[in-house]
């Protein structure tokens, strides 16, 4: 079975793991193809607001993932390569990622573990959370989630200049997915990150980071 799709996500800012990468509107297009249980994804970040990189792609990611189920547990290992065109000061790097999820009643318990294996070898970032999806009808559903995030000393040192292990962020998300005719869909969403550690909060510049966006795409 071969499936593929494209989408574009317009966001009020680019937030990655609670860190504000671009504090202006961005457009994040992506394209993916899935063959049986394997998926290959290309994702980019285009700065749309009035910032130094306006109108340019300043990040392109490549992800190869595999998904399978064991009993009720869904396991999804992947490799993610991060590259930063037009940003010579940021070297490319890569992570091995393992996503684990398990339904408990109507709630889905999920965890994600990421470890850098290239430029910042040994840097670790992990999350543990829960999500709930509610189908309103055949074409409309809403999804809420909350997760706690942990960064290793090396991760926080590399990306925030603070060399300490920390339970760093609580992230809450809400989205609404509307399926449209001919395989199109639209998905408005809001994400709120609460920084728990004072030193990390000082480096990020805010204790609470909010992002509002809308994604539109098509599956084939």
N, C-alpha and C. Protein backbone atom coordinates (compact mmCIF):
# COMPACT_ATOMS: atom_id res chain seq x y z
N UNK A 1 0.84 -1.19 0.00
CA UNK A 1 0.00 0.00 0.00
C UNK A 1 0.88 1.25 0.00
N UNK A 2 0.63 2.13 -0.97
CA UNK A 2 1.39 3.37 -1.07
C UNK A 2 0.45 4.55 -0.86
N UNK A 3 0.76 5.40 0.09
CA UNK A 3 0.00 6.62 0.36
C UNK A 3 0.98 7.79 0.35
N UNK A 4 0.47 8.98 0.01
CA UNK A 4 1.33 10.15 0.07
C UNK A 4 0.47 11.39 0.27
N UNK A 5 1.13 12.46 0.68
CA UNK A 5 0.39 13.68 0.96
C UNK A 5 1.29 14.89 1.04
N UNK A 6 0.68 16.07 1.01
CA UNK A 6 1.38 17.34 1.16
C UNK A 6 0.57 18.22 2.10
N UNK A 7 1.24 19.12 2.80
CA UNK A 7 0.52 20.09 3.62
C UNK A 7 1.39 21.32 3.85
N UNK A 8 0.77 22.34 4.38
CA UNK A 8 1.47 23.57 4.75
C UNK A 8 0.86 24.06 6.06
N UNK A 9 1.72 24.40 7.01
CA UNK A 9 1.28 24.82 8.34
C UNK A 9 1.72 26.26 8.57
N UNK A 10 0.76 27.17 8.68
CA UNK A 10 1.06 28.57 8.96
C UNK A 10 1.00 28.78 10.47
N UNK A 11 2.10 29.28 11.07
CA UNK A 11 2.18 29.47 12.51
C UNK A 11 2.55 30.89 12.87
N UNK A 12 2.09 31.33 14.03
CA UNK A 12 2.41 32.68 14.49
C UNK A 12 3.88 32.82 14.85
N UNK A 13 4.54 31.71 15.16
CA UNK A 13 5.98 31.68 15.42
C UNK A 13 6.45 30.23 15.29
N UNK A 14 7.76 30.03 15.19
CA UNK A 14 8.32 28.69 15.12
C UNK A 14 8.84 28.32 16.50
N UNK A 15 8.18 27.38 17.15
CA UNK A 15 8.57 26.92 18.47
C UNK A 15 8.97 25.45 18.37
N UNK A 16 10.17 25.13 18.83
CA UNK A 16 10.67 23.75 18.81
C UNK A 16 11.08 23.37 20.22
N UNK A 17 10.36 22.41 20.79
CA UNK A 17 10.66 21.93 22.14
C UNK A 17 10.71 23.08 23.15
N UNK A 18 9.75 23.99 22.99
CA UNK A 18 9.63 25.12 23.90
C UNK A 18 10.54 26.28 23.59
N UNK A 19 11.45 26.11 22.63
CA UNK A 19 12.42 27.14 22.27
C UNK A 19 11.88 27.93 21.08
N UNK A 20 11.89 29.26 21.18
CA UNK A 20 11.44 30.11 20.08
C UNK A 20 12.56 30.23 19.07
N UNK A 21 12.40 29.57 17.92
CA UNK A 21 13.41 29.64 16.86
C UNK A 21 13.21 30.86 15.97
N UNK A 22 11.96 31.19 15.67
CA UNK A 22 11.62 32.41 14.92
C UNK A 22 10.41 33.04 15.59
N UNK A 23 10.57 34.25 16.07
CA UNK A 23 9.50 34.92 16.81
C UNK A 23 8.63 35.77 15.88
N UNK A 24 8.42 35.26 14.67
CA UNK A 24 7.59 35.91 13.66
C UNK A 24 6.82 34.81 12.94
N UNK A 25 5.78 35.15 12.16
CA UNK A 25 5.05 34.10 11.43
C UNK A 25 5.94 33.30 10.49
N UNK A 26 5.66 32.01 10.40
CA UNK A 26 6.40 31.11 9.53
C UNK A 26 5.41 30.22 8.78
N UNK A 27 5.87 29.71 7.64
CA UNK A 27 5.13 28.71 6.87
C UNK A 27 5.96 27.44 6.84
N UNK A 28 5.36 26.32 7.20
CA UNK A 28 6.09 25.06 7.30
C UNK A 28 5.46 24.01 6.38
N UNK A 29 5.96 23.94 5.14
CA UNK A 29 5.43 22.94 4.20
C UNK A 29 6.07 21.58 4.43
N UNK A 30 5.38 20.54 4.06
CA UNK A 30 5.94 19.19 4.15
C UNK A 30 5.30 18.30 3.09
N UNK A 31 6.02 17.22 2.77
CA UNK A 31 5.53 16.21 1.85
C UNK A 31 5.98 14.86 2.36
N UNK A 32 5.12 13.85 2.23
CA UNK A 32 5.45 12.53 2.75
C UNK A 32 4.92 11.44 1.83
N UNK A 33 5.60 10.31 1.91
CA UNK A 33 5.15 9.12 1.20
C UNK A 33 5.28 7.93 2.16
N UNK A 34 4.26 7.09 2.19
CA UNK A 34 4.21 5.94 3.08
C UNK A 34 4.06 4.67 2.26
N UNK A 35 4.96 3.72 2.47
CA UNK A 35 4.92 2.42 1.81
C UNK A 35 4.83 1.36 2.90
N UNK A 36 3.67 0.72 2.97
CA UNK A 36 3.40 -0.23 4.06
C UNK A 36 3.62 0.47 5.39
N UNK A 37 4.59 0.05 6.20
CA UNK A 37 4.77 0.65 7.52
C UNK A 37 5.91 1.66 7.56
N UNK A 38 6.51 1.96 6.41
CA UNK A 38 7.60 2.94 6.34
C UNK A 38 7.07 4.28 5.82
N UNK A 39 7.58 5.38 6.39
CA UNK A 39 7.20 6.71 5.93
C UNK A 39 8.44 7.58 5.79
N UNK A 40 8.53 8.28 4.66
CA UNK A 40 9.60 9.24 4.46
C UNK A 40 8.97 10.63 4.36
N UNK A 41 9.51 11.58 5.13
CA UNK A 41 8.94 12.93 5.24
C UNK A 41 10.02 13.97 4.99
N UNK A 42 9.67 14.98 4.21
CA UNK A 42 10.50 16.17 4.05
C UNK A 42 9.73 17.36 4.60
N UNK A 43 10.37 18.14 5.46
CA UNK A 43 9.71 19.26 6.15
C UNK A 43 10.60 20.50 6.07
N UNK A 44 10.00 21.66 5.91
CA UNK A 44 10.78 22.89 5.84
C UNK A 44 10.17 24.01 6.66
N UNK A 45 10.99 25.00 6.97
CA UNK A 45 10.53 26.19 7.68
C UNK A 45 10.90 27.42 6.87
N UNK A 46 9.88 28.20 6.47
CA UNK A 46 10.07 29.42 5.70
C UNK A 46 9.66 30.61 6.56
N UNK A 47 10.56 31.55 6.76
CA UNK A 47 10.27 32.72 7.58
C UNK A 47 9.40 33.68 6.77
N UNK A 48 8.19 33.92 7.26
CA UNK A 48 7.25 34.79 6.54
C UNK A 48 7.21 36.20 7.11
N UNK A 49 7.58 36.35 8.39
CA UNK A 49 7.51 37.66 9.03
C UNK A 49 8.76 38.48 8.83
N UNK A 50 8.75 39.68 9.38
CA UNK A 50 9.84 40.64 9.23
C UNK A 50 10.99 40.26 10.14
N UNK A 51 11.87 39.41 9.64
CA UNK A 51 13.03 38.96 10.38
C UNK A 51 14.18 38.79 9.39
N UNK A 52 15.38 38.54 9.91
CA UNK A 52 16.57 38.48 9.05
C UNK A 52 16.42 37.50 7.89
N UNK A 53 15.76 36.37 8.12
CA UNK A 53 15.64 35.33 7.10
C UNK A 53 14.31 35.41 6.34
N UNK A 54 13.68 36.56 6.34
CA UNK A 54 12.36 36.69 5.72
C UNK A 54 12.38 36.21 4.26
N UNK A 55 11.42 35.33 3.94
CA UNK A 55 11.30 34.80 2.59
C UNK A 55 12.24 33.66 2.27
N UNK A 56 13.02 33.22 3.26
CA UNK A 56 14.00 32.16 3.02
C UNK A 56 13.65 30.90 3.83
N UNK A 57 14.09 29.77 3.30
CA UNK A 57 14.03 28.52 4.06
C UNK A 57 15.24 28.48 4.98
N UNK A 58 15.02 28.39 6.28
CA UNK A 58 16.16 28.34 7.20
C UNK A 58 16.27 27.00 7.94
N UNK A 59 15.39 26.05 7.59
CA UNK A 59 15.54 24.69 8.12
C UNK A 59 14.84 23.71 7.20
N UNK A 60 15.50 22.59 6.95
CA UNK A 60 14.91 21.48 6.20
C UNK A 60 15.23 20.19 6.94
N UNK A 61 14.18 19.41 7.24
CA UNK A 61 14.34 18.15 7.97
C UNK A 61 13.94 16.98 7.09
N UNK A 62 14.63 15.86 7.27
CA UNK A 62 14.33 14.63 6.54
C UNK A 62 14.12 13.52 7.58
N UNK A 63 12.99 12.84 7.50
CA UNK A 63 12.66 11.81 8.49
C UNK A 63 12.28 10.51 7.80
N UNK A 64 12.87 9.42 8.27
CA UNK A 64 12.48 8.08 7.84
C UNK A 64 12.02 7.33 9.08
N UNK A 65 10.77 6.88 9.07
CA UNK A 65 10.20 6.22 10.25
C UNK A 65 9.56 4.89 9.88
N UNK A 66 9.42 4.06 10.90
CA UNK A 66 8.78 2.76 10.75
C UNK A 66 7.82 2.58 11.92
N UNK A 67 6.63 2.11 11.64
CA UNK A 67 5.62 1.96 12.68
C UNK A 67 5.09 0.53 12.72
N UNK A 68 5.02 -0.03 13.92
CA UNK A 68 4.43 -1.35 14.06
C UNK A 68 3.80 -1.49 15.44
N UNK A 69 2.91 -2.45 15.56
CA UNK A 69 2.21 -2.68 16.82
C UNK A 69 2.62 -4.00 17.43
N UNK A 70 2.82 -3.98 18.74
CA UNK A 70 3.09 -5.18 19.51
C UNK A 70 2.07 -5.20 20.65
N UNK A 71 1.15 -6.17 20.59
CA UNK A 71 0.00 -6.19 21.50
C UNK A 71 -0.76 -4.89 21.28
N UNK A 72 -0.98 -4.05 22.28
CA UNK A 72 -1.67 -2.78 22.09
C UNK A 72 -0.69 -1.61 22.01
N UNK A 73 0.58 -1.91 22.06
CA UNK A 73 1.59 -0.86 22.06
C UNK A 73 2.03 -0.55 20.63
N UNK A 74 2.04 0.72 20.30
CA UNK A 74 2.51 1.17 18.99
C UNK A 74 3.93 1.72 19.15
N UNK A 75 4.86 1.17 18.39
CA UNK A 75 6.25 1.59 18.43
C UNK A 75 6.62 2.21 17.09
N UNK A 76 7.29 3.36 17.13
CA UNK A 76 7.64 4.05 15.89
C UNK A 76 9.07 4.60 15.99
N UNK A 77 10.06 3.77 15.65
CA UNK A 77 11.44 4.29 15.60
C UNK A 77 11.64 5.11 14.33
N UNK A 78 12.54 6.09 14.39
CA UNK A 78 12.81 6.92 13.22
C UNK A 78 14.20 7.53 13.33
N UNK A 79 14.68 8.02 12.20
CA UNK A 79 15.88 8.84 12.17
C UNK A 79 15.51 10.17 11.54
N UNK A 80 15.96 11.25 12.17
CA UNK A 80 15.62 12.60 11.73
C UNK A 80 16.91 13.38 11.48
N UNK A 81 17.08 13.89 10.26
CA UNK A 81 18.23 14.70 9.90
C UNK A 81 17.79 16.16 9.82
N UNK A 82 18.48 17.03 10.58
CA UNK A 82 18.17 18.46 10.60
C UNK A 82 19.25 19.21 9.80
N UNK A 83 18.84 20.01 8.84
CA UNK A 83 19.79 20.85 8.11
C UNK A 83 19.29 22.29 8.14
N UNK A 84 20.24 23.23 8.04
CA UNK A 84 19.91 24.64 8.24
C UNK A 84 20.45 25.50 7.10
N UNK A 85 19.79 25.48 5.93
CA UNK A 85 20.21 26.33 4.82
C UNK A 85 20.11 27.81 5.20
N UNK A 86 21.03 28.59 4.68
CA UNK A 86 21.11 30.03 4.95
C UNK A 86 21.48 30.36 6.39
N UNK A 87 21.90 29.33 7.16
CA UNK A 87 22.34 29.55 8.53
C UNK A 87 23.66 28.80 8.74
N UNK A 88 24.75 29.40 8.27
CA UNK A 88 26.04 28.73 8.34
C UNK A 88 26.52 28.48 9.77
N UNK A 89 25.98 29.24 10.71
CA UNK A 89 26.42 29.10 12.09
C UNK A 89 25.82 27.87 12.78
N UNK A 90 24.83 27.22 12.12
CA UNK A 90 24.19 26.05 12.70
C UNK A 90 24.53 24.82 11.87
N UNK A 91 25.33 23.89 12.40
CA UNK A 91 25.68 22.69 11.64
C UNK A 91 24.52 21.70 11.58
N UNK A 92 24.49 20.93 10.52
CA UNK A 92 23.48 19.87 10.41
C UNK A 92 23.71 18.83 11.50
N UNK A 93 22.64 18.18 11.92
CA UNK A 93 22.77 17.13 12.91
C UNK A 93 21.66 16.10 12.71
N UNK A 94 21.67 15.05 13.51
CA UNK A 94 20.67 13.99 13.35
C UNK A 94 20.34 13.32 14.67
N UNK A 95 19.12 12.85 14.78
CA UNK A 95 18.66 12.17 15.99
C UNK A 95 18.04 10.82 15.66
N UNK A 96 18.22 9.89 16.57
CA UNK A 96 17.43 8.67 16.59
C UNK A 96 16.27 8.90 17.55
N UNK A 97 15.05 8.59 17.10
CA UNK A 97 13.85 8.89 17.88
C UNK A 97 13.01 7.63 18.02
N UNK A 98 12.48 7.42 19.20
CA UNK A 98 11.55 6.31 19.44
C UNK A 98 10.27 6.87 20.06
N UNK A 99 9.15 6.67 19.35
CA UNK A 99 7.84 7.05 19.87
C UNK A 99 7.11 5.80 20.33
N UNK A 100 6.51 5.88 21.51
CA UNK A 100 5.78 4.75 22.09
C UNK A 100 4.41 5.26 22.53
N UNK A 101 3.36 4.53 22.16
CA UNK A 101 2.02 4.92 22.59
C UNK A 101 1.21 3.69 22.96
N UNK A 102 0.28 3.89 23.89
CA UNK A 102 -0.54 2.78 24.37
C UNK A 102 -1.89 3.34 24.81
N UNK A 103 -2.99 2.83 24.29
CA UNK A 103 -4.31 3.32 24.72
C UNK A 103 -4.68 2.81 26.10
N UNK A 104 -5.23 3.69 26.91
CA UNK A 104 -5.76 3.33 28.23
C UNK A 104 -7.17 3.90 28.28
N UNK A 105 -8.15 3.06 28.00
CA UNK A 105 -9.52 3.56 27.87
C UNK A 105 -9.60 4.49 26.66
N UNK A 106 -10.16 5.67 26.88
CA UNK A 106 -10.29 6.64 25.79
C UNK A 106 -9.06 7.53 25.65
N UNK A 107 -8.09 7.37 26.55
CA UNK A 107 -6.89 8.20 26.56
C UNK A 107 -5.73 7.42 25.95
N UNK A 108 -4.89 8.12 25.22
CA UNK A 108 -3.70 7.51 24.65
C UNK A 108 -2.46 8.02 25.40
N UNK A 109 -1.74 7.11 26.05
CA UNK A 109 -0.51 7.47 26.75
C UNK A 109 0.63 7.40 25.75
N UNK A 110 1.45 8.45 25.68
CA UNK A 110 2.50 8.49 24.67
C UNK A 110 3.80 9.01 25.27
N UNK A 111 4.89 8.53 24.70
CA UNK A 111 6.22 8.94 25.14
C UNK A 111 7.13 9.02 23.92
N UNK A 112 8.06 9.94 23.93
CA UNK A 112 9.00 10.10 22.83
C UNK A 112 10.40 10.32 23.39
N UNK A 113 11.37 9.62 22.81
CA UNK A 113 12.75 9.70 23.27
C UNK A 113 13.65 9.99 22.09
N UNK A 114 14.42 11.09 22.18
CA UNK A 114 15.27 11.54 21.07
C UNK A 114 16.71 11.67 21.56
N UNK A 115 17.64 11.08 20.82
CA UNK A 115 19.05 11.20 21.18
C UNK A 115 19.84 11.56 19.93
N UNK A 116 20.66 12.60 20.06
CA UNK A 116 21.48 13.06 18.95
C UNK A 116 22.63 12.09 18.71
N UNK A 117 22.87 11.75 17.45
CA UNK A 117 23.93 10.80 17.11
C UNK A 117 24.94 11.41 16.14
N UNK A 118 24.86 12.73 15.93
CA UNK A 118 25.78 13.37 14.99
C UNK A 118 26.52 14.52 15.66
N UNK A 119 26.16 15.74 15.36
CA UNK A 119 26.91 16.91 15.82
C UNK A 119 26.93 17.05 17.34
N UNK A 120 25.81 16.75 17.99
CA UNK A 120 25.70 16.91 19.44
C UNK A 120 25.48 15.54 20.10
N UNK A 121 26.32 14.61 19.77
CA UNK A 121 26.18 13.21 20.18
C UNK A 121 25.93 13.09 21.69
N UNK A 122 24.87 12.36 22.02
CA UNK A 122 24.53 12.13 23.42
C UNK A 122 23.49 13.08 23.97
N UNK A 123 23.19 14.14 23.25
CA UNK A 123 22.14 15.07 23.68
C UNK A 123 20.80 14.34 23.67
N UNK A 124 20.06 14.41 24.78
CA UNK A 124 18.80 13.66 24.92
C UNK A 124 17.65 14.59 25.26
N UNK A 125 16.49 14.29 24.65
CA UNK A 125 15.26 15.01 24.97
C UNK A 125 14.11 14.00 24.99
N UNK A 126 13.31 14.02 26.05
CA UNK A 126 12.23 13.06 26.18
C UNK A 126 10.93 13.69 26.63
N UNK A 127 9.82 13.07 26.25
CA UNK A 127 8.51 13.56 26.66
C UNK A 127 7.64 12.40 27.15
N UNK A 128 6.73 12.71 28.03
CA UNK A 128 5.73 11.75 28.50
C UNK A 128 4.42 12.50 28.63
N UNK A 129 3.37 11.97 27.98
CA UNK A 129 2.12 12.70 28.02
C UNK A 129 0.91 11.84 27.70
N UNK A 130 -0.21 12.51 27.51
CA UNK A 130 -1.47 11.83 27.21
C UNK A 130 -2.25 12.67 26.21
N UNK A 131 -3.01 12.00 25.36
CA UNK A 131 -3.83 12.70 24.38
C UNK A 131 -5.22 12.08 24.33
N UNK A 132 -6.17 12.88 23.88
CA UNK A 132 -7.55 12.43 23.78
C UNK A 132 -8.14 12.97 22.48
N UNK A 133 -8.65 12.08 21.64
CA UNK A 133 -9.29 12.49 20.40
C UNK A 133 -10.78 12.20 20.49
N UNK A 134 -11.57 13.18 20.07
CA UNK A 134 -13.02 13.01 20.09
C UNK A 134 -13.58 13.28 18.70
N UNK A 135 -14.25 12.29 18.14
CA UNK A 135 -14.88 12.44 16.83
C UNK A 135 -16.27 13.04 17.00
N UNK A 136 -16.48 14.21 16.42
CA UNK A 136 -17.79 14.86 16.48
C UNK A 136 -18.71 14.27 15.43
N UNK A 137 -18.16 14.05 14.23
CA UNK A 137 -18.89 13.35 13.18
C UNK A 137 -17.85 12.74 12.23
N UNK A 138 -18.28 12.25 11.08
CA UNK A 138 -17.37 11.57 10.17
C UNK A 138 -16.28 12.47 9.61
N UNK A 139 -16.50 13.79 9.62
CA UNK A 139 -15.54 14.71 9.01
C UNK A 139 -14.91 15.69 9.99
N UNK A 140 -15.30 15.66 11.23
CA UNK A 140 -14.81 16.64 12.19
C UNK A 140 -14.39 15.96 13.49
N UNK A 141 -13.18 16.26 13.95
CA UNK A 141 -12.70 15.72 15.21
C UNK A 141 -11.85 16.76 15.93
N UNK A 142 -11.76 16.63 17.24
CA UNK A 142 -10.91 17.52 18.04
C UNK A 142 -9.93 16.66 18.83
N UNK A 143 -8.76 17.23 19.08
CA UNK A 143 -7.71 16.50 19.78
C UNK A 143 -7.07 17.40 20.83
N UNK A 144 -6.90 16.90 22.04
CA UNK A 144 -6.22 17.63 23.10
C UNK A 144 -5.09 16.76 23.63
N UNK A 145 -4.02 17.40 24.05
CA UNK A 145 -2.90 16.64 24.61
C UNK A 145 -2.14 17.49 25.60
N UNK A 146 -1.43 16.81 26.50
CA UNK A 146 -0.55 17.48 27.45
C UNK A 146 0.64 16.58 27.69
N UNK A 147 1.82 17.17 27.81
CA UNK A 147 3.01 16.35 28.00
C UNK A 147 4.05 17.12 28.82
N UNK A 148 4.85 16.36 29.57
CA UNK A 148 5.97 16.90 30.32
C UNK A 148 7.25 16.57 29.55
N UNK A 149 8.19 17.52 29.51
CA UNK A 149 9.37 17.37 28.68
C UNK A 149 10.65 17.50 29.53
N UNK A 150 11.61 16.65 29.22
CA UNK A 150 12.88 16.60 29.96
C UNK A 150 14.03 16.76 28.99
N UNK A 151 14.98 17.63 29.31
CA UNK A 151 16.17 17.80 28.51
C UNK A 151 17.42 17.47 29.31
N UNK A 152 18.35 16.74 28.68
CA UNK A 152 19.59 16.41 29.36
C UNK A 152 20.47 17.65 29.49
N UNK A 153 21.52 17.53 30.29
CA UNK A 153 22.44 18.64 30.48
C UNK A 153 23.05 19.08 29.15
N UNK A 154 23.39 18.11 28.29
CA UNK A 154 24.00 18.47 27.01
C UNK A 154 22.98 19.15 26.09
N UNK A 155 21.73 18.67 26.07
CA UNK A 155 20.71 19.31 25.24
C UNK A 155 20.51 20.76 25.66
N UNK A 156 20.34 20.98 26.96
CA UNK A 156 20.10 22.34 27.43
C UNK A 156 21.32 23.24 27.24
N UNK A 157 22.51 22.66 27.32
CA UNK A 157 23.73 23.42 27.10
C UNK A 157 23.85 23.84 25.64
N UNK A 158 23.58 22.91 24.71
CA UNK A 158 23.71 23.19 23.28
C UNK A 158 22.70 24.23 22.82
N UNK A 159 21.44 24.06 23.21
CA UNK A 159 20.38 24.89 22.65
C UNK A 159 20.00 26.10 23.50
N UNK A 160 20.38 26.08 24.80
CA UNK A 160 19.98 27.19 25.66
C UNK A 160 21.13 27.76 26.49
N UNK A 161 22.30 27.12 26.43
CA UNK A 161 23.44 27.64 27.16
C UNK A 161 23.39 27.41 28.65
N UNK A 162 22.55 26.45 29.09
CA UNK A 162 22.42 26.12 30.52
C UNK A 162 22.77 24.65 30.70
N UNK A 163 23.87 24.37 31.34
CA UNK A 163 24.35 22.99 31.47
C UNK A 163 23.75 22.33 32.71
N UNK A 164 22.53 21.82 32.54
CA UNK A 164 21.86 21.13 33.65
C UNK A 164 20.78 20.21 33.11
N UNK A 165 20.58 19.07 33.78
CA UNK A 165 19.43 18.22 33.50
C UNK A 165 18.20 18.89 34.09
N UNK A 166 17.10 18.86 33.36
CA UNK A 166 15.93 19.55 33.88
C UNK A 166 14.64 19.00 33.28
N UNK A 167 13.64 18.83 34.16
CA UNK A 167 12.26 18.68 33.71
C UNK A 167 11.83 20.08 33.31
N UNK A 168 11.86 20.36 32.02
CA UNK A 168 11.93 21.74 31.57
C UNK A 168 10.59 22.39 31.22
N UNK A 169 9.69 21.64 30.57
CA UNK A 169 8.52 22.27 29.97
C UNK A 169 7.29 21.38 30.11
N UNK A 170 6.15 22.01 30.29
CA UNK A 170 4.84 21.36 30.14
C UNK A 170 4.19 21.95 28.89
N UNK A 171 3.76 21.08 27.97
CA UNK A 171 3.16 21.54 26.72
C UNK A 171 1.71 21.06 26.64
N UNK A 172 0.80 21.98 26.38
CA UNK A 172 -0.61 21.64 26.17
C UNK A 172 -1.00 22.06 24.76
N UNK A 173 -1.73 21.18 24.05
CA UNK A 173 -2.11 21.45 22.67
C UNK A 173 -3.58 21.14 22.45
N UNK A 174 -4.17 21.91 21.54
CA UNK A 174 -5.55 21.67 21.13
C UNK A 174 -5.64 21.86 19.62
N UNK A 175 -6.30 20.94 18.94
CA UNK A 175 -6.46 21.07 17.49
C UNK A 175 -7.84 20.57 17.08
N UNK A 176 -8.27 21.05 15.92
CA UNK A 176 -9.56 20.65 15.35
C UNK A 176 -9.31 20.26 13.90
N UNK A 177 -9.64 19.04 13.54
CA UNK A 177 -9.37 18.55 12.19
C UNK A 177 -10.68 18.43 11.40
N UNK A 178 -10.73 19.15 10.29
CA UNK A 178 -11.92 19.14 9.43
C UNK A 178 -11.55 18.53 8.08
N UNK A 179 -12.15 17.40 7.77
CA UNK A 179 -11.92 16.75 6.48
C UNK A 179 -12.83 17.38 5.43
N UNK A 180 -12.23 17.68 4.28
CA UNK A 180 -12.94 18.32 3.17
C UNK A 180 -13.03 17.35 1.99
N UNK A 181 -13.84 17.67 0.99
CA UNK A 181 -13.93 16.78 -0.18
C UNK A 181 -12.59 16.61 -0.90
N UNK A 182 -12.47 15.51 -1.63
CA UNK A 182 -11.32 15.20 -2.49
C UNK A 182 -10.02 15.04 -1.71
N UNK A 183 -10.10 14.62 -0.45
CA UNK A 183 -8.91 14.34 0.32
C UNK A 183 -8.26 15.53 0.98
N UNK A 184 -8.84 16.72 0.85
CA UNK A 184 -8.28 17.91 1.50
C UNK A 184 -8.71 17.95 2.97
N UNK A 185 -7.93 18.67 3.77
CA UNK A 185 -8.29 18.86 5.18
C UNK A 185 -7.70 20.17 5.67
N UNK A 186 -8.29 20.69 6.75
CA UNK A 186 -7.79 21.90 7.39
C UNK A 186 -7.76 21.65 8.90
N UNK A 187 -6.71 22.16 9.55
CA UNK A 187 -6.51 21.83 10.97
C UNK A 187 -5.98 23.04 11.73
N UNK A 188 -6.87 23.88 12.29
CA UNK A 188 -6.41 24.95 13.19
C UNK A 188 -5.92 24.35 14.51
N UNK A 189 -4.93 25.01 15.12
CA UNK A 189 -4.38 24.45 16.36
C UNK A 189 -3.77 25.56 17.21
N UNK A 190 -3.64 25.28 18.50
CA UNK A 190 -2.98 26.18 19.44
C UNK A 190 -2.12 25.34 20.38
N UNK A 191 -0.92 25.84 20.66
CA UNK A 191 0.02 25.14 21.54
C UNK A 191 0.53 26.13 22.58
N UNK A 192 0.55 25.69 23.83
CA UNK A 192 1.04 26.53 24.92
C UNK A 192 2.12 25.76 25.67
N UNK A 193 3.30 26.36 25.80
CA UNK A 193 4.42 25.75 26.52
C UNK A 193 4.70 26.56 27.78
N UNK A 194 4.71 25.88 28.91
CA UNK A 194 5.03 26.51 30.19
C UNK A 194 6.42 26.05 30.62
N UNK A 195 7.37 26.98 30.69
CA UNK A 195 8.74 26.65 31.06
C UNK A 195 8.82 26.54 32.59
N UNK A 196 9.28 25.40 33.08
CA UNK A 196 9.26 25.14 34.51
C UNK A 196 10.53 25.61 35.22
N UNK A 197 11.64 25.60 34.50
CA UNK A 197 12.93 25.93 35.12
C UNK A 197 13.25 27.42 34.90
N UNK A 198 13.61 28.11 35.98
CA UNK A 198 13.84 29.56 35.90
C UNK A 198 15.02 29.91 35.01
N UNK A 199 16.11 29.13 35.08
CA UNK A 199 17.28 29.43 34.25
C UNK A 199 16.96 29.24 32.77
N UNK A 200 16.22 28.19 32.44
CA UNK A 200 15.84 27.97 31.05
C UNK A 200 14.88 29.05 30.58
N UNK A 201 13.99 29.46 31.46
CA UNK A 201 13.02 30.51 31.12
C UNK A 201 13.73 31.82 30.78
N UNK A 202 14.79 32.15 31.51
CA UNK A 202 15.55 33.36 31.24
C UNK A 202 16.20 33.31 29.87
N UNK A 203 16.69 32.14 29.47
CA UNK A 203 17.33 32.00 28.16
C UNK A 203 16.31 32.04 27.03
N UNK A 204 15.14 31.44 27.25
CA UNK A 204 14.09 31.46 26.23
C UNK A 204 13.50 32.86 26.10
N UNK A 205 13.48 33.59 27.22
CA UNK A 205 12.96 34.95 27.21
C UNK A 205 11.54 35.07 27.68
N UNK A 206 10.87 33.93 27.87
CA UNK A 206 9.49 33.93 28.34
C UNK A 206 9.27 32.69 29.20
N UNK A 207 8.35 32.80 30.16
CA UNK A 207 8.01 31.62 30.96
C UNK A 207 6.85 30.86 30.33
N UNK A 208 6.08 31.54 29.47
CA UNK A 208 4.97 30.90 28.75
C UNK A 208 5.07 31.28 27.28
N UNK A 209 5.09 30.27 26.42
CA UNK A 209 5.22 30.47 24.98
C UNK A 209 3.96 29.96 24.31
N UNK A 210 3.30 30.81 23.52
CA UNK A 210 2.06 30.45 22.83
C UNK A 210 2.27 30.49 21.32
N UNK A 211 1.66 29.55 20.64
CA UNK A 211 1.69 29.53 19.19
C UNK A 211 0.30 29.17 18.67
N UNK A 212 -0.15 29.90 17.66
CA UNK A 212 -1.42 29.64 17.01
C UNK A 212 -1.14 29.40 15.53
N UNK A 213 -1.77 28.39 14.97
CA UNK A 213 -1.53 28.09 13.57
C UNK A 213 -2.71 27.40 12.90
N UNK A 214 -2.58 27.25 11.60
CA UNK A 214 -3.58 26.49 10.85
C UNK A 214 -2.85 25.73 9.75
N UNK A 215 -3.14 24.44 9.68
CA UNK A 215 -2.55 23.57 8.67
C UNK A 215 -3.61 23.21 7.63
N UNK A 216 -3.18 23.16 6.38
CA UNK A 216 -4.06 22.71 5.29
C UNK A 216 -3.26 21.74 4.43
N UNK A 217 -3.93 20.68 3.98
CA UNK A 217 -3.20 19.70 3.19
C UNK A 217 -4.12 18.80 2.41
N UNK A 218 -3.49 17.83 1.74
CA UNK A 218 -4.23 16.85 0.94
C UNK A 218 -3.53 15.51 1.01
N UNK A 219 -4.30 14.46 1.23
CA UNK A 219 -3.81 13.10 1.18
C UNK A 219 -4.27 12.43 -0.11
N UNK A 220 -3.38 11.64 -0.68
CA UNK A 220 -3.69 10.98 -1.96
C UNK A 220 -3.78 9.46 -1.76
